[in-house]
Amino acid sequence: MRHRFNIFFFLTLSLAGSTSILAENGQDLPFLGRYPGSVVDNYRSAHYDEITIPLGPLGKNALTRSETLEGQITYIKYQVPRDRSPLEVIRNYQQALQHAGFHILWQCANHNCRTNGDASINTSLWRNAPTGYTGGVENFLFDDGRMLTAEHRAADGVRTLVFINDNTLFGHSQDASVYAIQTQPMQNGMVSSSPDPLTSENMLYELNNKGQFSLHLPFDFNRSTLRTDAQPSLKALSDLLKKHPQLHVRIEGHTDQAGAESYNQKLSVTRAVAVKNALIAEGIDPRRLETTGYGSSRPLVSNDTEANRAINRRVEIIKMA
């Protein structure tokens, strides 16, 4: 089975003391809590985007070392208690990350965070970060501040990186900006190249003539949670079943070959069940719905490219009666 961190779904871990989620504009990372007494000031997440993670000090015009990554991104800006130093805050974050299996890639303190006195103190890491500055510009103030970058690598190659910038603002307040990314492939097939989308009528035609059809439904990455953009296809399928109450179908889940066979088998089953539950929620009698999963054992095409793997990740609807 795969072992990975999911920025939004796995392993809750708090810092020193217990931490509760407040009624704020955002939430903590499930695997990394806030420093006690901190308050979420700004928050944003994206299913898929691009971010630059610092791996070295700020140079005269840009970061001296960095890596640009694509995947699922979260940005959280905390207001930190004024009576706690950046040293104390960043060390607690470091301990929590290391306890969660992260490796510290780089960290710095105060003026060591830049290469010379003329270094720029503003740069954009993620343009969509709600930092309060145009273009998601991040402020780096080094008179009293600390930065840290840490990484976790899962057995299947998925990487989770966290960058924290903690600094005092003009000596009277303290902010901690937390950037987190989990690398993942972009979900393909979101825009159809077919002039004829799969409607209830199309589905019925396929069932009557071929006995089955495939749905490439959008699930959350590596999970069986259906995304909201799956609703049009699910609505078409539920409408079909309502118009033809004698129709019974089997819902089959299929994955690509990335990852362990046992994990893919389980994922294919849970995705088929998710589709069944969505149809039941639309009023379809569960006795008309069977489910099974085949993991990666029945690919439609080879798994040598991401485009082909997207084809193999599917839910098939089979006519039973």
C-alpha atoms as a PDB file:
ATOM      1  CA  MET A   1       0.000   0.000   0.000  1.00  0.00           C
ATOM      2  CA  ARG A   2       1.169   3.499  -0.710  1.00  0.00           C
ATOM      3  CA  HIS A   3       2.221   5.679   2.176  1.00  0.00           C
ATOM      4  CA  ARG A   4       1.956   9.394   1.545  1.00  0.00           C
ATOM      5  CA  PHE A   5       1.050  12.642   3.161  1.00  0.00           C
ATOM      6  CA  ASN A   6      -1.988  14.362   1.744  1.00  0.00           C
ATOM      7  CA  ILE A   7      -2.010  18.059   2.502  1.00  0.00           C
ATOM      8  CA  PHE A   8      -5.755  18.102   2.941  1.00  0.00           C
ATOM      9  CA  PHE A   9      -6.674  14.663   4.215  1.00  0.00           C
ATOM     10  CA  PHE A  10      -4.083  12.842   6.361  1.00  0.00           C
ATOM     11  CA  LEU A  11      -2.289  12.841   9.734  1.00  0.00           C
ATOM     12  CA  THR A  12      -3.280  15.663  12.067  1.00  0.00           C
ATOM     13  CA  LEU A  13      -0.303  16.893  14.062  1.00  0.00           C
ATOM     14  CA  SER A  14      -0.282  19.900  16.395  1.00  0.00           C
ATOM     15  CA  LEU A  15       2.603  21.965  17.720  1.00  0.00           C
ATOM     16  CA  ALA A  16       3.371  22.557  21.392  1.00  0.00           C
ATOM     17  CA  GLY A  17       0.078  22.311  23.286  1.00  0.00           C
ATOM     18  CA  SER A  18      -3.341  21.543  21.852  1.00  0.00           C
ATOM     19  CA  THR A  19      -4.688  23.589  18.959  1.00  0.00           C
ATOM     20  CA  SER A  20      -8.305  24.078  17.946  1.00  0.00           C
ATOM     21  CA  ILE A  21      -9.625  25.200  14.593  1.00  0.00           C
ATOM     22  CA  LEU A  22     -11.253  28.600  15.052  1.00  0.00           C
ATOM     23  CA  ALA A  23     -14.026  30.190  13.021  1.00  0.00           C
ATOM     24  CA  GLU A  24     -11.512  31.891  10.760  1.00  0.00           C
ATOM     25  CA  ASN A  25     -10.973  32.395   7.046  1.00  0.00           C
ATOM     26  CA  GLY A  26      -9.110  29.109   6.611  1.00  0.00           C
ATOM     27  CA  GLN A  27      -7.807  26.162   8.564  1.00  0.00           C
ATOM     28  CA  ASP A  28      -4.567  24.535   9.688  1.00  0.00           C
ATOM     29  CA  LEU A  29      -2.760  21.941   7.613  1.00  0.00           C
ATOM     30  CA  PRO A  30      -4.050  18.561   8.824  1.00  0.00           C
ATOM     31  CA  PHE A  31      -0.493  17.307   9.331  1.00  0.00           C
ATOM     32  CA  LEU A  32       0.857  20.511  10.895  1.00  0.00           C
ATOM     33  CA  GLY A  33      -0.886  22.628  13.509  1.00  0.00           C
ATOM     34  CA  ARG A  34      -0.338  26.263  14.380  1.00  0.00           C
ATOM     35  CA  TYR A  35       1.788  27.716  17.160  1.00  0.00           C
ATOM     36  CA  PRO A  36      -0.597  28.072  20.131  1.00  0.00           C
ATOM     37  CA  GLY A  37      -2.242  31.483  20.247  1.00  0.00           C
ATOM     38  CA  SER A  38      -1.737  32.138  16.549  1.00  0.00           C
ATOM     39  CA  VAL A  39      -4.679  33.332  14.450  1.00  0.00           C
ATOM     40  CA  VAL A  40      -5.233  32.675  10.733  1.00  0.00           C
ATOM     41  CA  ASP A  41      -5.019  36.013   8.950  1.00  0.00           C
ATOM     42  CA  ASN A  42      -5.149  34.816   5.313  1.00  0.00           C
ATOM     43  CA  TYR A  43      -5.729  31.445   3.689  1.00  0.00           C
ATOM     44  CA  ARG A  44      -6.024  29.959   0.221  1.00  0.00           C
ATOM     45  CA  SER A  45      -5.723  26.521  -1.343  1.00  0.00           C
ATOM     46  CA  ALA A  46      -5.655  25.300  -4.952  1.00  0.00           C
ATOM     47  CA  HIS A  47      -6.148  21.797  -6.305  1.00  0.00           C
ATOM     48  CA  TYR A  48      -3.406  22.346  -8.884  1.00  0.00           C
ATOM     49  CA  ASP A  49      -1.012  25.247  -9.439  1.00  0.00           C
ATOM     50  CA  GLU A  50       2.658  26.214  -9.611  1.00  0.00           C
ATOM     51  CA  ILE A  51       4.822  27.443  -6.736  1.00  0.00           C
ATOM     52  CA  THR A  52       8.488  28.320  -6.134  1.00  0.00           C
ATOM     53  CA  ILE A  53       9.926  26.929  -2.901  1.00  0.00           C
ATOM     54  CA  PRO A  54      13.079  28.630  -1.493  1.00  0.00           C
ATOM     55  CA  LEU A  55      16.097  26.385  -0.919  1.00  0.00           C
ATOM     56  CA  GLY A  56      18.623  29.135  -0.240  1.00  0.00           C
ATOM     57  CA  PRO A  57      18.929  32.767   0.805  1.00  0.00           C
ATOM     58  CA  LEU A  58      17.531  35.739  -1.051  1.00  0.00           C
ATOM     59  CA  GLY A  59      19.994  37.221  -3.505  1.00  0.00           C
ATOM     60  CA  LYS A  60      20.130  40.744  -4.896  1.00  0.00           C
ATOM     61  CA  ASN A  61      17.249  40.209  -7.301  1.00  0.00           C
ATOM     62  CA  ALA A  62      15.926  36.708  -6.642  1.00  0.00           C
ATOM     63  CA  LEU A  63      16.328  33.554  -4.586  1.00  0.00           C
ATOM     64  CA  THR A  64      19.795  32.040  -4.931  1.00  0.00           C
ATOM     65  CA  ARG A  65      18.391  28.487  -4.840  1.00  0.00           C
ATOM     66  CA  SER A  66      14.819  27.360  -5.322  1.00  0.00           C
ATOM     67  CA  GLU A  67      12.630  24.703  -6.936  1.00  0.00           C
ATOM     68  CA  THR A  68       9.458  25.279  -8.914  1.00  0.00           C
ATOM     69  CA  LEU A  69       6.850  22.584  -8.353  1.00  0.00           C
ATOM     70  CA  GLU A  70       3.325  21.803  -9.500  1.00  0.00           C
ATOM     71  CA  GLY A  71       0.582  20.243  -7.428  1.00  0.00           C
ATOM     72  CA  GLN A  72      -1.909  20.867  -4.633  1.00  0.00           C
ATOM     73  CA  ILE A  73      -1.017  24.085  -2.783  1.00  0.00           C
ATOM     74  CA  THR A  74      -2.032  25.678   0.511  1.00  0.00           C
ATOM     75  CA  TYR A  75      -1.050  29.101   1.844  1.00  0.00           C
ATOM     76  CA  ILE A  76      -1.717  30.142   5.453  1.00  0.00           C
ATOM     77  CA  LYS A  77      -0.688  33.421   7.056  1.00  0.00           C
ATOM     78  CA  TYR A  78      -0.780  33.435  10.857  1.00  0.00           C
ATOM     79  CA  GLN A  79      -0.609  36.325  13.295  1.00  0.00           C
ATOM     80  CA  VAL A  80       1.735  34.977  15.961  1.00  0.00           C
ATOM     81  CA  PRO A  81       1.619  36.039  19.674  1.00  0.00           C
ATOM     82  CA  ARG A  82       3.868  39.049  20.153  1.00  0.00           C
ATOM     83  CA  ASP A  83       5.562  37.619  23.239  1.00  0.00           C
ATOM     84  CA  ARG A  84       7.013  34.677  21.252  1.00  0.00           C
ATOM     85  CA  SER A  85      10.184  35.067  19.239  1.00  0.00           C
ATOM     86  CA  PRO A  86      10.691  33.828  15.650  1.00  0.00           C
ATOM     87  CA  LEU A  87      13.380  31.515  17.084  1.00  0.00           C
ATOM     88  CA  GLU A  88      10.929  29.808  19.437  1.00  0.00           C
ATOM     89  CA  VAL A  89       8.202  29.573  16.782  1.00  0.00           C
ATOM     90  CA  ILE A  90      10.401  28.210  13.992  1.00  0.00           C
ATOM     91  CA  ARG A  91      12.050  25.641  16.264  1.00  0.00           C
ATOM     92  CA  ASN A  92       8.662  24.299  17.317  1.00  0.00           C
ATOM     93  CA  TYR A  93       7.671  24.002  13.671  1.00  0.00           C
ATOM     94  CA  GLN A  94      10.969  22.251  12.926  1.00  0.00           C
ATOM     95  CA  GLN A  95      10.401  19.714  15.710  1.00  0.00           C
ATOM     96  CA  ALA A  96       6.840  19.017  14.548  1.00  0.00           C
ATOM     97  CA  LEU A  97       7.885  18.531  10.929  1.00  0.00           C
ATOM     98  CA  GLN A  98      10.743  16.203  11.833  1.00  0.00           C
ATOM     99  CA  HIS A  99       8.429  14.209  14.091  1.00  0.00           C
ATOM    100  CA  ALA A 100       6.091  13.798  11.086  1.00  0.00           C
ATOM    101  CA  GLY A 101       8.917  12.378   8.965  1.00  0.00           C
ATOM    102  CA  PHE A 102       9.982  15.539   7.151  1.00  0.00           C
ATOM    103  CA  HIS A 103      13.617  16.298   6.330  1.00  0.00           C
ATOM    104  CA  ILE A 104      14.848  19.872   6.783  1.00  0.00           C
ATOM    105  CA  LEU A 105      16.252  21.036   3.436  1.00  0.00           C
ATOM    106  CA  TRP A 106      17.280  24.532   4.442  1.00  0.00           C
ATOM    107  CA  GLN A 107      16.843  27.127   7.158  1.00  0.00           C
ATOM    108  CA  CYS A 108      18.239  30.541   8.017  1.00  0.00           C
ATOM    109  CA  ALA A 109      18.122  33.275  10.637  1.00  0.00           C
ATOM    110  CA  ASN A 110      18.064  37.058  10.434  1.00  0.00           C
ATOM    111  CA  HIS A 111      20.665  38.552   8.043  1.00  0.00           C
ATOM    112  CA  ASN A 112      21.882  35.088   6.996  1.00  0.00           C
ATOM    113  CA  CYS A 113      18.645  34.801   5.030  1.00  0.00           C
ATOM    114  CA  ARG A 114      20.106  37.095   2.347  1.00  0.00           C
ATOM    115  CA  THR A 115      23.410  37.220   0.536  1.00  0.00           C
ATOM    116  CA  ASN A 116      24.128  40.933   0.790  1.00  0.00           C
ATOM    117  CA  GLY A 117      22.783  44.175   2.167  1.00  0.00           C
ATOM    118  CA  ASP A 118      21.240  45.126  -1.172  1.00  0.00           C
ATOM    119  CA  ALA A 119      19.024  42.061  -1.354  1.00  0.00           C
ATOM    120  CA  SER A 120      15.439  42.513  -2.387  1.00  0.00           C
ATOM    121  CA  ILE A 121      13.003  41.887   0.458  1.00  0.00           C
ATOM    122  CA  ASN A 122      10.013  41.076  -1.759  1.00  0.00           C
ATOM    123  CA  THR A 123       9.435  38.179  -4.127  1.00  0.00           C
ATOM    124  CA  SER A 124       6.485  36.078  -5.250  1.00  0.00           C
ATOM    125  CA  LEU A 125       6.473  32.364  -4.437  1.00  0.00           C
ATOM    126  CA  TRP A 126       2.855  31.631  -5.373  1.00  0.00           C
ATOM    127  CA  ARG A 127       1.100  34.358  -7.328  1.00  0.00           C
ATOM    128  CA  ASN A 128      -2.290  33.364  -5.912  1.00  0.00           C
ATOM    129  CA  ALA A 129      -1.202  33.615  -2.273  1.00  0.00           C
ATOM    130  CA  PRO A 130      -3.359  36.250  -0.485  1.00  0.00           C
ATOM    131  CA  THR A 131      -0.379  37.990   1.092  1.00  0.00           C
ATOM    132  CA  GLY A 132      -1.989  41.419   0.786  1.00  0.00           C
ATOM    133  CA  TYR A 133       0.405  42.460  -1.985  1.00  0.00           C
ATOM    134  CA  THR A 134      -0.128  42.413  -5.746  1.00  0.00           C
ATOM    135  CA  GLY A 135       0.983  39.183  -7.390  1.00  0.00           C
ATOM    136  CA  GLY A 136       1.200  37.267  -4.108  1.00  0.00           C
ATOM    137  CA  VAL A 137       4.447  39.022  -3.157  1.00  0.00           C
ATOM    138  CA  GLU A 138       5.939  37.746   0.086  1.00  0.00           C
ATOM    139  CA  ASN A 139       7.711  40.139   2.466  1.00  0.00           C
ATOM    140  CA  PHE A 140      11.071  39.016   3.844  1.00  0.00           C
ATOM    141  CA  LEU A 141      12.290  41.103   6.797  1.00  0.00           C
ATOM    142  CA  PHE A 142      15.551  39.842   8.259  1.00  0.00           C
ATOM    143  CA  ASP A 143      16.299  42.036  11.240  1.00  0.00           C
ATOM    144  CA  ASP A 144      14.428  39.503  13.353  1.00  0.00           C
ATOM    145  CA  GLY A 145      13.162  36.609  11.273  1.00  0.00           C
ATOM    146  CA  ARG A 146      13.643  32.967  10.388  1.00  0.00           C
ATOM    147  CA  MET A 147      12.882  30.743   7.398  1.00  0.00           C
ATOM    148  CA  LEU A 148      12.679  26.990   6.976  1.00  0.00           C
ATOM    149  CA  THR A 149      12.030  24.543   4.118  1.00  0.00           C
ATOM    150  CA  ALA A 150      11.230  20.877   4.789  1.00  0.00           C
ATOM    151  CA  GLU A 151      10.308  17.920   2.592  1.00  0.00           C
ATOM    152  CA  HIS A 152       8.590  14.557   2.964  1.00  0.00           C
ATOM    153  CA  ARG A 153       8.979  11.894   0.256  1.00  0.00           C
ATOM    154  CA  ALA A 154       6.400   9.108   0.150  1.00  0.00           C
ATOM    155  CA  ALA A 155       7.236   5.591  -0.991  1.00  0.00           C
ATOM    156  CA  ASP A 156       5.441   6.206  -4.307  1.00  0.00           C
ATOM    157  CA  GLY A 157       7.516   9.317  -5.049  1.00  0.00           C
ATOM    158  CA  VAL A 158       4.944  11.943  -4.045  1.00  0.00           C
ATOM    159  CA  ARG A 159       6.657  14.890  -2.387  1.00  0.00           C
ATOM    160  CA  THR A 160       5.228  17.254   0.220  1.00  0.00           C
ATOM    161  CA  LEU A 161       7.211  20.449   0.802  1.00  0.00           C
ATOM    162  CA  VAL A 162       6.590  23.078   3.452  1.00  0.00           C
ATOM    163  CA  PHE A 163       8.161  26.549   3.523  1.00  0.00           C
ATOM    164  CA  ILE A 164       7.748  28.809   6.571  1.00  0.00           C
ATOM    165  CA  ASN A 165       8.694  32.486   6.743  1.00  0.00           C
ATOM    166  CA  ASP A 166       8.425  33.896  10.283  1.00  0.00           C
ATOM    167  CA  ASN A 167       9.431  37.497  10.940  1.00  0.00           C
ATOM    168  CA  THR A 168       8.577  40.523  13.018  1.00  0.00           C
ATOM    169  CA  LEU A 169       7.018  43.478  11.244  1.00  0.00           C
ATOM    170  CA  PHE A 170       8.659  46.727  12.237  1.00  0.00           C
ATOM    171  CA  GLY A 171       9.156  45.424  15.758  1.00  0.00           C
ATOM    172  CA  HIS A 172       5.501  45.485  16.814  1.00  0.00           C
ATOM    173  CA  SER A 173       3.859  42.364  15.319  1.00  0.00           C
ATOM    174  CA  GLN A 174       4.844  38.949  14.036  1.00  0.00           C
ATOM    175  CA  ASP A 175       3.581  36.981  11.035  1.00  0.00           C
ATOM    176  CA  ALA A 176       4.270  33.397   9.993  1.00  0.00           C
ATOM    177  CA  SER A 177       3.585  32.539   6.350  1.00  0.00           C
ATOM    178  CA  VAL A 178       3.230  28.812   5.666  1.00  0.00           C
ATOM    179  CA  TYR A 179       3.352  27.460   2.103  1.00  0.00           C
ATOM    180  CA  ALA A 180       2.681  23.762   1.481  1.00  0.00           C
ATOM    181  CA  ILE A 181       2.624  21.760  -1.742  1.00  0.00           C
ATOM    182  CA  GLN A 182       1.996  18.119  -2.506  1.00  0.00           C
ATOM    183  CA  THR A 183       3.266  17.193  -5.943  1.00  0.00           C
ATOM    184  CA  GLN A 184       0.740  15.460  -8.166  1.00  0.00           C
ATOM    185  CA  PRO A 185      -0.116  15.224 -11.837  1.00  0.00           C
ATOM    186  CA  MET A 186      -2.673  17.627 -13.240  1.00  0.00           C
ATOM    187  CA  GLN A 187      -6.111  16.119 -13.750  1.00  0.00           C
ATOM    188  CA  ASN A 188      -6.493  15.709 -17.489  1.00  0.00           C
ATOM    189  CA  GLY A 189      -9.578  15.328 -19.610  1.00  0.00           C
ATOM    190  CA  MET A 190     -11.438  18.198 -17.935  1.00  0.00           C
ATOM    191  CA  VAL A 191     -12.226  19.816 -21.303  1.00  0.00           C
ATOM    192  CA  SER A 192     -13.912  17.569 -23.821  1.00  0.00           C
ATOM    193  CA  SER A 193     -12.755  17.500 -27.428  1.00  0.00           C
ATOM    194  CA  SER A 194     -15.994  15.786 -28.437  1.00  0.00           C
ATOM    195  CA  PRO A 195     -18.812  17.877 -29.897  1.00  0.00           C
ATOM    196  CA  ASP A 196     -21.295  15.406 -28.380  1.00  0.00           C
ATOM    197  CA  PRO A 197     -21.015  15.210 -24.566  1.00  0.00           C
ATOM    198  CA  LEU A 198     -22.191  12.042 -22.884  1.00  0.00           C
ATOM    199  CA  THR A 199     -25.891  12.658 -22.187  1.00  0.00           C
ATOM    200  CA  SER A 200     -28.552  10.290 -20.871  1.00  0.00           C
ATOM    201  CA  GLU A 201     -29.475   9.528 -24.475  1.00  0.00           C
ATOM    202  CA  ASN A 202     -25.850   8.780 -25.373  1.00  0.00           C
ATOM    203  CA  MET A 203     -25.552   6.509 -22.339  1.00  0.00           C
ATOM    204  CA  LEU A 204     -28.697   4.599 -23.278  1.00  0.00           C
ATOM    205  CA  TYR A 205     -27.444   4.162 -26.838  1.00  0.00           C
ATOM    206  CA  GLU A 206     -24.121   2.756 -25.588  1.00  0.00           C
ATOM    207  CA  LEU A 207     -25.848   0.369 -23.185  1.00  0.00           C
ATOM    208  CA  ASN A 208     -28.283  -0.899 -25.811  1.00  0.00           C
ATOM    209  CA  ASN A 209     -25.645  -1.321 -28.515  1.00  0.00           C
ATOM    210  CA  LYS A 210     -22.466  -2.177 -26.581  1.00  0.00           C
ATOM    211  CA  GLY A 211     -23.758  -3.150 -23.172  1.00  0.00           C
ATOM    212  CA  GLN A 212     -21.494  -0.669 -21.407  1.00  0.00           C
ATOM    213  CA  PHE A 213     -19.783   2.724 -21.468  1.00  0.00           C
ATOM    214  CA  SER A 214     -16.926   4.461 -19.633  1.00  0.00           C
ATOM    215  CA  LEU A 215     -17.065   7.552 -17.441  1.00  0.00           C
ATOM    216  CA  HIS A 216     -13.885   9.516 -16.710  1.00  0.00           C
ATOM    217  CA  LEU A 217     -15.152  11.110 -13.538  1.00  0.00           C
ATOM    218  CA  PRO A 218     -13.068  13.707 -11.669  1.00  0.00           C
ATOM    219  CA  PHE A 219     -12.088  12.417  -8.223  1.00  0.00           C
ATOM    220  CA  ASP A 220      -9.901  14.176  -5.691  1.00  0.00           C
ATOM    221  CA  PHE A 221      -6.294  13.150  -6.289  1.00  0.00           C
ATOM    222  CA  ASN A 222      -5.596   9.598  -5.084  1.00  0.00           C
ATOM    223  CA  ARG A 223      -8.959   9.434  -3.297  1.00  0.00           C
ATOM    224  CA  SER A 224     -12.503   8.235  -3.870  1.00  0.00           C
ATOM    225  CA  THR A 225     -14.058  11.652  -3.222  1.00  0.00           C
ATOM    226  CA  LEU A 226     -16.026  12.830  -6.252  1.00  0.00           C
ATOM    227  CA  ARG A 227     -15.390  16.441  -7.177  1.00  0.00           C
ATOM    228  CA  THR A 228     -18.226  18.868  -7.855  1.00  0.00           C
ATOM    229  CA  ASP A 229     -17.438  18.868 -11.586  1.00  0.00           C
ATOM    230  CA  ALA A 230     -18.492  15.198 -11.692  1.00  0.00           C
ATOM    231  CA  GLN A 231     -22.119  16.236 -11.146  1.00  0.00           C
ATOM    232  CA  PRO A 232     -23.151  16.686 -14.816  1.00  0.00           C
ATOM    233  CA  SER A 233     -22.174  13.100 -15.670  1.00  0.00           C
ATOM    234  CA  LEU A 234     -23.741  11.709 -12.480  1.00  0.00           C
ATOM    235  CA  LYS A 235     -26.925  13.679 -13.140  1.00  0.00           C
ATOM    236  CA  ALA A 236     -27.135  12.283 -16.673  1.00  0.00           C
ATOM    237  CA  LEU A 237     -26.682   8.748 -15.335  1.00  0.00           C
ATOM    238  CA  SER A 238     -29.277   9.172 -12.587  1.00  0.00           C
ATOM    239  CA  ASP A 239     -31.749  10.660 -15.106  1.00  0.00           C
ATOM    240  CA  LEU A 240     -31.223   7.608 -17.318  1.00  0.00           C
ATOM    241  CA  LEU A 241     -31.909   5.222 -14.452  1.00  0.00           C
ATOM    242  CA  LYS A 242     -35.022   7.167 -13.426  1.00  0.00           C
ATOM    243  CA  LYS A 243     -36.418   7.069 -16.977  1.00  0.00           C
ATOM    244  CA  HIS A 244     -35.785   3.315 -17.217  1.00  0.00           C
ATOM    245  CA  PRO A 245     -36.668   1.813 -13.819  1.00  0.00           C
ATOM    246  CA  GLN A 246     -36.179  -1.731 -15.117  1.00  0.00           C
ATOM    247  CA  LEU A 247     -32.490  -1.045 -15.830  1.00  0.00           C
ATOM    248  CA  HIS A 248     -29.902  -2.629 -13.500  1.00  0.00           C
ATOM    249  CA  VAL A 249     -26.207  -1.790 -13.864  1.00  0.00           C
ATOM    250  CA  ARG A 250     -22.843  -2.828 -12.467  1.00  0.00           C
ATOM    251  CA  ILE A 251     -20.437  -0.007 -11.609  1.00  0.00           C
ATOM    252  CA  GLU A 252     -16.806  -1.027 -12.167  1.00  0.00           C
ATOM    253  CA  GLY A 253     -13.828   0.971 -10.897  1.00  0.00           C
ATOM    254  CA  HIS A 254     -10.504   0.967 -12.755  1.00  0.00           C
ATOM    255  CA  THR A 255      -7.170   2.673 -12.035  1.00  0.00           C
ATOM    256  CA  ASP A 256      -3.881   3.152 -13.841  1.00  0.00           C
ATOM    257  CA  GLN A 257      -0.780   1.155 -12.854  1.00  0.00           C
ATOM    258  CA  ALA A 258       0.909   3.834 -10.748  1.00  0.00           C
ATOM    259  CA  GLY A 259       1.425   2.577  -7.211  1.00  0.00           C
ATOM    260  CA  ALA A 260       0.980  -0.756  -5.459  1.00  0.00           C
ATOM    261  CA  GLU A 261      -1.463  -3.300  -6.861  1.00  0.00           C
ATOM    262  CA  SER A 262      -3.252  -3.774  -3.518  1.00  0.00           C
ATOM    263  CA  TYR A 263      -3.733  -0.033  -3.123  1.00  0.00           C
ATOM    264  CA  ASN A 264      -5.105   0.353  -6.652  1.00  0.00           C
ATOM    265  CA  GLN A 265      -7.514  -2.529  -6.080  1.00  0.00           C
ATOM    266  CA  LYS A 266      -8.925  -0.894  -2.955  1.00  0.00           C
ATOM    267  CA  LEU A 267      -9.107   2.518  -4.633  1.00  0.00           C
ATOM    268  CA  SER A 268     -11.024   1.115  -7.611  1.00  0.00           C
ATOM    269  CA  VAL A 269     -13.622  -0.436  -5.296  1.00  0.00           C
ATOM    270  CA  THR A 270     -14.103   2.668  -3.170  1.00  0.00           C
ATOM    271  CA  ARG A 271     -14.510   4.832  -6.275  1.00  0.00           C
ATOM    272  CA  ALA A 272     -17.184   2.497  -7.642  1.00  0.00           C
ATOM    273  CA  VAL A 273     -18.959   2.660  -4.269  1.00  0.00           C
ATOM    274  CA  ALA A 274     -18.718   6.464  -4.320  1.00  0.00           C
ATOM    275  CA  VAL A 275     -20.569   6.532  -7.646  1.00  0.00           C
ATOM    276  CA  LYS A 276     -23.198   4.139  -6.278  1.00  0.00           C
ATOM    277  CA  ASN A 277     -23.714   6.317  -3.200  1.00  0.00           C
ATOM    278  CA  ALA A 278     -24.055   9.417  -5.373  1.00  0.00           C
ATOM    279  CA  LEU A 279     -26.782   7.691  -7.404  1.00  0.00           C
ATOM    280  CA  ILE A 280     -28.565   6.524  -4.249  1.00  0.00           C
ATOM    281  CA  ALA A 281     -28.524  10.120  -3.043  1.00  0.00           C
ATOM    282  CA  GLU A 282     -30.369  11.003  -6.270  1.00  0.00           C
ATOM    283  CA  GLY A 283     -33.113   8.529  -5.402  1.00  0.00           C
ATOM    284  CA  ILE A 284     -31.946   5.419  -7.261  1.00  0.00           C
ATOM    285  CA  ASP A 285     -32.841   2.093  -5.606  1.00  0.00           C
ATOM    286  CA  PRO A 286     -29.559   0.528  -4.390  1.00  0.00           C
ATOM    287  CA  ARG A 287     -30.846  -2.914  -5.423  1.00  0.00           C
ATOM    288  CA  ARG A 288     -30.397  -1.805  -9.037  1.00  0.00           C
ATOM    289  CA  LEU A 289     -26.718  -1.044  -8.527  1.00  0.00           C
ATOM    290  CA  GLU A 290     -23.839  -3.502  -8.205  1.00  0.00           C
ATOM    291  CA  THR A 291     -20.219  -2.465  -7.607  1.00  0.00           C
ATOM    292  CA  THR A 292     -16.824  -4.017  -8.114  1.00  0.00           C
ATOM    293  CA  GLY A 293     -13.254  -2.919  -8.709  1.00  0.00           C
ATOM    294  CA  TYR A 294     -10.486  -4.260 -10.903  1.00  0.00           C
ATOM    295  CA  GLY A 295      -7.620  -2.002  -9.887  1.00  0.00           C
ATOM    296  CA  SER A 296      -5.143  -1.699 -12.735  1.00  0.00           C
ATOM    297  CA  SER A 297      -5.710  -5.233 -14.053  1.00  0.00           C
ATOM    298  CA  ARG A 298      -7.846  -4.225 -17.067  1.00  0.00           C
ATOM    299  CA  PRO A 299      -6.179  -1.284 -18.828  1.00  0.00           C
ATOM    300  CA  LEU A 300      -7.687   0.016 -22.057  1.00  0.00           C
ATOM    301  CA  VAL A 301      -4.291   1.215 -23.314  1.00  0.00           C
ATOM    302  CA  SER A 302      -0.672   0.983 -22.186  1.00  0.00           C
ATOM    303  CA  ASN A 303       0.303   2.960 -19.085  1.00  0.00           C
ATOM    304  CA  ASP A 304       3.421   4.496 -20.649  1.00  0.00           C
ATOM    305  CA  THR A 305       2.186   8.115 -20.788  1.00  0.00           C
ATOM    306  CA  GLU A 306       0.091  10.347 -18.538  1.00  0.00           C
ATOM    307  CA  ALA A 307      -2.500  10.701 -21.305  1.00  0.00           C
ATOM    308  CA  ASN A 308      -2.866   6.911 -21.467  1.00  0.00           C
ATOM    309  CA  ARG A 309      -3.006   6.595 -17.681  1.00  0.00           C
ATOM    310  CA  ALA A 310      -5.860   9.124 -17.669  1.00  0.00           C
ATOM    311  CA  ILE A 311      -7.743   6.888 -20.110  1.00  0.00           C
ATOM    312  CA  ASN A 312      -7.265   3.872 -17.845  1.00  0.00           C
ATOM    313  CA  ARG A 313      -8.563   5.740 -14.784  1.00  0.00           C
ATOM    314  CA  ARG A 314     -12.277   5.270 -15.329  1.00  0.00           C
ATOM    315  CA  VAL A 315     -15.600   3.999 -14.063  1.00  0.00           C
ATOM    316  CA  GLU A 316     -17.419   1.623 -16.378  1.00  0.00           C
ATOM    317  CA  ILE A 317     -21.192   1.206 -16.353  1.00  0.00           C
ATOM    318  CA  ILE A 318     -22.260  -2.317 -17.398  1.00  0.00           C
ATOM    319  CA  LYS A 319     -25.851  -3.230 -18.333  1.00  0.00           C
ATOM    320  CA  MET A 320     -27.067  -6.149 -16.214  1.00  0.00           C
ATOM    321  CA  ALA A 321     -30.807  -6.204 -17.006  1.00  0.00           C
END
